[in-house]
């Protein structure tokens, strides 16, 4: 797999950060607790097993967007059952030409995050530095780790995003990033190929995934949404 290279320079304060254990603690379905709310129109808060995680948001309403999310109580219930606790996509969507879109999570999200750039470009900040995401790039972000991403002002990306978790989510992450052991950034950014055929295949898979998944609540168009 072709990996993206970081730009020069690290995020301020990143050099003193302690190395993180690459293995997340096992997810205990019996102890799963999740609550979510909007503190204001730009601040989303999740409380995951008593741990507070804050997302600071930019613009989120884009013509043609598609958003699907499971209510937090449904996520709680699904994570307490063996079958659905294994791997659960809980929030997913598509933002076209997402000018002004940005997300910043100082302590990460409670779930894994997958971003796939269909067209245009964006930037991704990790603890080691800033990376450019372009057409055909997939970013895999682990829970509880700082990240921030935004659309390129001059060439805003169109991209799919999926938040997922489960008792085997770490194993899927490891399989997708097998061989990328040289750095944290190399285990985050994967090139799916910028050729039209590659982008079309991945795009069709993700379009089918968010077309009408059973049990999901849909938001889109001009309708205001909370994307919890």
Protein backbone atom coordinates (compact mmCIF):
# COMPACT_ATOMS: atom_id res chain seq x y z
CA UNK A 1 0.00 0.00 0.00
CA UNK A 2 1.18 3.53 -0.77
CA UNK A 3 1.40 5.68 2.33
CA UNK A 4 1.20 9.44 2.65
CA UNK A 5 4.20 11.38 3.94
CA UNK A 6 3.82 13.99 6.69
CA UNK A 7 4.59 17.62 6.04
CA UNK A 8 7.46 19.18 7.91
CA UNK A 9 6.94 20.19 11.48
CA UNK A 10 5.00 18.75 14.36
CA UNK A 11 1.96 20.04 16.14
CA UNK A 12 3.09 22.27 19.04
CA UNK A 13 3.56 20.22 22.18
CA UNK A 14 3.56 16.91 20.31
CA UNK A 15 7.26 16.24 20.94
CA UNK A 16 6.74 15.98 24.67
CA UNK A 17 3.75 13.68 24.34
CA UNK A 18 4.26 10.21 25.76
CA UNK A 19 4.13 7.29 23.31
CA UNK A 20 0.72 5.65 23.29
CA UNK A 21 0.16 1.96 23.61
CA UNK A 22 -0.91 0.75 20.17
CA UNK A 23 -3.27 -1.86 21.66
CA UNK A 24 -6.55 -0.47 22.94
CA UNK A 25 -8.06 -2.02 26.06
CA UNK A 26 -10.68 -4.67 25.25
CA UNK A 27 -14.19 -3.34 24.76
CA UNK A 28 -16.48 -4.77 27.43
CA UNK A 29 -20.04 -4.98 26.01
CA UNK A 30 -21.52 -5.47 29.49
CA UNK A 31 -20.04 -2.19 30.71
CA UNK A 32 -20.87 -0.14 27.60
CA UNK A 33 -22.38 3.28 28.33
CA UNK A 34 -22.83 6.12 25.84
CA UNK A 35 -24.52 9.51 25.98
CA UNK A 36 -24.30 12.36 23.48
CA UNK A 37 -25.49 15.95 23.26
CA UNK A 38 -24.75 19.30 21.62
CA UNK A 39 -23.32 21.77 24.15
CA UNK A 40 -23.88 24.50 21.55
CA UNK A 41 -24.25 24.64 17.76
CA UNK A 42 -20.51 23.95 17.27
CA UNK A 43 -19.66 21.65 20.19
CA UNK A 44 -20.66 18.00 20.38
CA UNK A 45 -20.04 16.04 23.58
CA UNK A 46 -19.99 12.28 24.10
CA UNK A 47 -19.76 10.59 27.48
CA UNK A 48 -18.37 7.11 26.86
CA UNK A 49 -18.21 4.92 29.97
CA UNK A 50 -17.95 8.14 31.98
CA UNK A 51 -15.18 9.56 29.79
CA UNK A 52 -15.95 12.99 28.28
CA UNK A 53 -14.98 13.49 24.62
CA UNK A 54 -15.54 16.84 22.90
CA UNK A 55 -15.72 17.62 19.16
CA UNK A 56 -15.43 21.22 17.94
CA UNK A 57 -17.15 21.57 14.55
CA UNK A 58 -17.19 23.90 11.58
CA UNK A 59 -19.84 24.02 8.91
CA UNK A 60 -21.94 20.84 8.62
CA UNK A 61 -24.76 21.59 6.18
CA UNK A 62 -23.88 20.83 2.55
CA UNK A 63 -26.26 20.49 -0.43
CA UNK A 64 -26.48 16.82 -1.36
CA UNK A 65 -25.05 15.52 1.93
CA UNK A 66 -26.18 12.18 3.34
CA UNK A 67 -26.00 11.33 7.04
CA UNK A 68 -27.09 8.25 8.95
CA UNK A 69 -26.71 7.68 12.65
CA UNK A 70 -27.88 5.26 15.29
CA UNK A 71 -29.32 6.87 18.43
CA UNK A 72 -26.98 6.47 21.38
CA UNK A 73 -29.42 4.21 23.24
CA UNK A 74 -29.58 1.89 20.24
CA UNK A 75 -25.76 1.84 20.13
CA UNK A 76 -25.72 0.96 23.83
CA UNK A 77 -28.18 -1.89 23.30
CA UNK A 78 -26.37 -3.20 20.21
CA UNK A 79 -23.04 -3.24 22.05
CA UNK A 80 -24.49 -5.41 24.81
CA UNK A 81 -25.39 -8.19 22.37
CA UNK A 82 -22.70 -10.56 21.14
CA UNK A 83 -23.57 -10.43 17.43
CA UNK A 84 -23.82 -6.65 17.00
CA UNK A 85 -21.11 -5.91 19.57
CA UNK A 86 -18.45 -7.44 17.28
CA UNK A 87 -18.44 -4.62 14.71
CA UNK A 88 -20.97 -1.79 14.60
CA UNK A 89 -21.03 1.20 12.21
CA UNK A 90 -22.85 3.79 14.30
CA UNK A 91 -22.51 7.08 12.34
CA UNK A 92 -21.75 7.46 8.66
CA UNK A 93 -22.28 9.86 5.82
CA UNK A 94 -21.14 11.74 2.74
CA UNK A 95 -20.21 15.44 2.45
CA UNK A 96 -19.85 16.80 -1.13
CA UNK A 97 -17.64 19.86 -1.79
CA UNK A 98 -17.51 20.47 1.94
CA UNK A 99 -16.12 24.01 1.98
CA UNK A 100 -15.76 25.33 5.53
CA UNK A 101 -16.06 21.86 7.07
CA UNK A 102 -13.73 21.04 9.97
CA UNK A 103 -13.61 18.83 13.05
CA UNK A 104 -11.24 18.98 16.01
CA UNK A 105 -11.14 16.33 18.76
CA UNK A 106 -8.53 17.01 21.44
CA UNK A 107 -8.98 13.54 22.94
CA UNK A 108 -10.29 11.75 19.87
CA UNK A 109 -13.65 10.06 19.41
CA UNK A 110 -14.98 7.06 21.31
CA UNK A 111 -15.13 5.07 18.05
CA UNK A 112 -12.75 4.39 15.16
CA UNK A 113 -13.12 6.88 12.30
CA UNK A 114 -12.65 6.16 8.59
CA UNK A 115 -12.42 9.03 6.11
CA UNK A 116 -12.30 8.45 2.34
CA UNK A 117 -11.57 11.36 0.01
CA UNK A 118 -13.54 10.99 -3.20
CA UNK A 119 -12.39 14.24 -4.76
CA UNK A 120 -10.75 17.54 -3.83
CA UNK A 121 -8.47 17.75 -0.80
CA UNK A 122 -8.36 18.19 2.95
CA UNK A 123 -5.84 18.35 5.78
CA UNK A 124 -5.45 16.01 8.75
CA UNK A 125 -3.64 17.01 11.95
CA UNK A 126 -2.24 14.25 14.14
CA UNK A 127 0.07 14.47 17.13
CA UNK A 128 3.11 14.02 14.83
CA UNK A 129 2.23 16.63 12.22
CA UNK A 130 -0.06 17.76 9.42
CA UNK A 131 -0.92 15.61 6.41
CA UNK A 132 -2.68 16.35 3.14
CA UNK A 133 -5.55 14.09 2.15
CA UNK A 134 -6.24 13.96 -1.57
CA UNK A 135 -8.36 11.96 -4.00
CA UNK A 136 -8.22 8.23 -3.25
CA UNK A 137 -6.77 8.57 0.27
CA UNK A 138 -8.24 6.69 3.22
CA UNK A 139 -7.57 7.87 6.77
CA UNK A 140 -8.09 5.46 9.69
CA UNK A 141 -8.24 7.17 13.07
CA UNK A 142 -8.15 5.32 16.38
CA UNK A 143 -10.30 6.20 19.40
CA UNK A 144 -9.05 8.47 22.18
CA UNK A 145 -6.24 10.01 20.10
CA UNK A 146 -6.02 13.67 19.07
CA UNK A 147 -7.02 14.45 15.50
CA UNK A 148 -8.40 17.37 13.53
CA UNK A 149 -9.38 17.53 9.88
CA UNK A 150 -10.69 20.19 7.53
CA UNK A 151 -11.56 20.81 3.91
CA UNK A 152 -8.98 22.55 1.74
CA UNK A 153 -10.19 26.16 1.29
CA UNK A 154 -9.36 26.30 -2.42
CA UNK A 155 -10.28 22.74 -3.40
CA UNK A 156 -12.67 21.41 -0.72
CA UNK A 157 -12.99 17.67 -0.57
CA UNK A 158 -15.96 15.45 -1.18
CA UNK A 159 -15.61 12.57 1.27
CA UNK A 160 -17.26 9.67 3.04
CA UNK A 161 -16.93 9.17 6.78
CA UNK A 162 -17.76 6.22 9.01
CA UNK A 163 -17.53 5.91 12.80
CA UNK A 164 -17.42 2.29 13.97
CA UNK A 165 -16.49 0.27 17.02
CA UNK A 166 -16.80 -3.23 18.42
CA UNK A 167 -14.92 -6.06 20.06
CA UNK A 168 -13.11 -6.88 16.78
CA UNK A 169 -12.70 -3.29 15.51
CA UNK A 170 -9.03 -3.21 16.55
CA UNK A 171 -8.43 -6.41 14.57
CA UNK A 172 -9.95 -4.86 11.44
CA UNK A 173 -7.74 -1.80 11.94
CA UNK A 174 -4.67 -4.03 12.24
CA UNK A 175 -5.56 -5.96 9.08
CA UNK A 176 -6.12 -2.77 7.06
CA UNK A 177 -2.80 -1.30 8.21
CA UNK A 178 -0.72 -4.51 8.07
CA UNK A 179 2.87 -3.77 7.13
CA UNK A 180 2.62 -0.09 8.00
CA UNK A 181 4.75 -0.27 11.14
CA UNK A 182 7.30 2.46 10.43
CA UNK A 183 5.37 5.34 12.00
CA UNK A 184 2.07 6.40 13.48
CA UNK A 185 1.25 8.42 10.36
CA UNK A 186 1.94 5.46 8.08
CA UNK A 187 -0.59 3.42 10.03
CA UNK A 188 -3.19 6.15 9.54
CA UNK A 189 -3.12 7.16 5.86
CA UNK A 190 -3.60 4.58 3.10
CA UNK A 191 -3.79 5.24 -0.63
CA UNK A 192 -6.63 3.38 -2.32
CA UNK A 193 -5.41 4.77 -5.64
CA UNK A 194 -6.42 7.98 -7.37
CA UNK A 195 -7.26 6.28 -10.67
CA UNK A 196 -10.91 6.63 -11.69
CA UNK A 197 -11.48 2.86 -11.49
CA UNK A 198 -10.21 2.66 -7.89
CA UNK A 199 -12.19 5.68 -6.72
CA UNK A 200 -15.32 4.39 -8.46
CA UNK A 201 -15.11 0.96 -6.77
CA UNK A 202 -14.62 2.35 -3.26
CA UNK A 203 -17.25 5.01 -3.91
CA UNK A 204 -19.83 2.42 -4.98
CA UNK A 205 -19.20 0.35 -1.85
CA UNK A 206 -19.62 3.33 0.46
CA UNK A 207 -22.60 4.70 -1.48
CA UNK A 208 -24.34 1.34 -1.10
CA UNK A 209 -23.47 1.29 2.60
CA UNK A 210 -25.16 4.63 3.31
CA UNK A 211 -28.01 4.30 0.80
CA UNK A 212 -30.55 3.10 3.37
CA UNK A 213 -29.10 1.00 6.18
CA UNK A 214 -31.84 -0.56 8.27
CA UNK A 215 -32.40 1.08 11.63
CA UNK A 216 -30.46 4.26 10.88
CA UNK A 217 -31.87 7.74 11.29
CA UNK A 218 -31.32 9.82 8.16
CA UNK A 219 -30.56 13.53 7.98
CA UNK A 220 -29.71 15.46 4.87
CA UNK A 221 -30.39 18.25 2.43
CA UNK A 222 -31.19 21.53 4.13
CA UNK A 223 -32.49 19.90 7.29
CA UNK A 224 -30.61 20.87 10.47
CA UNK A 225 -29.01 17.88 12.13
CA UNK A 226 -27.01 17.10 15.26
CA UNK A 227 -24.98 14.20 13.82
CA UNK A 228 -24.62 12.60 17.24
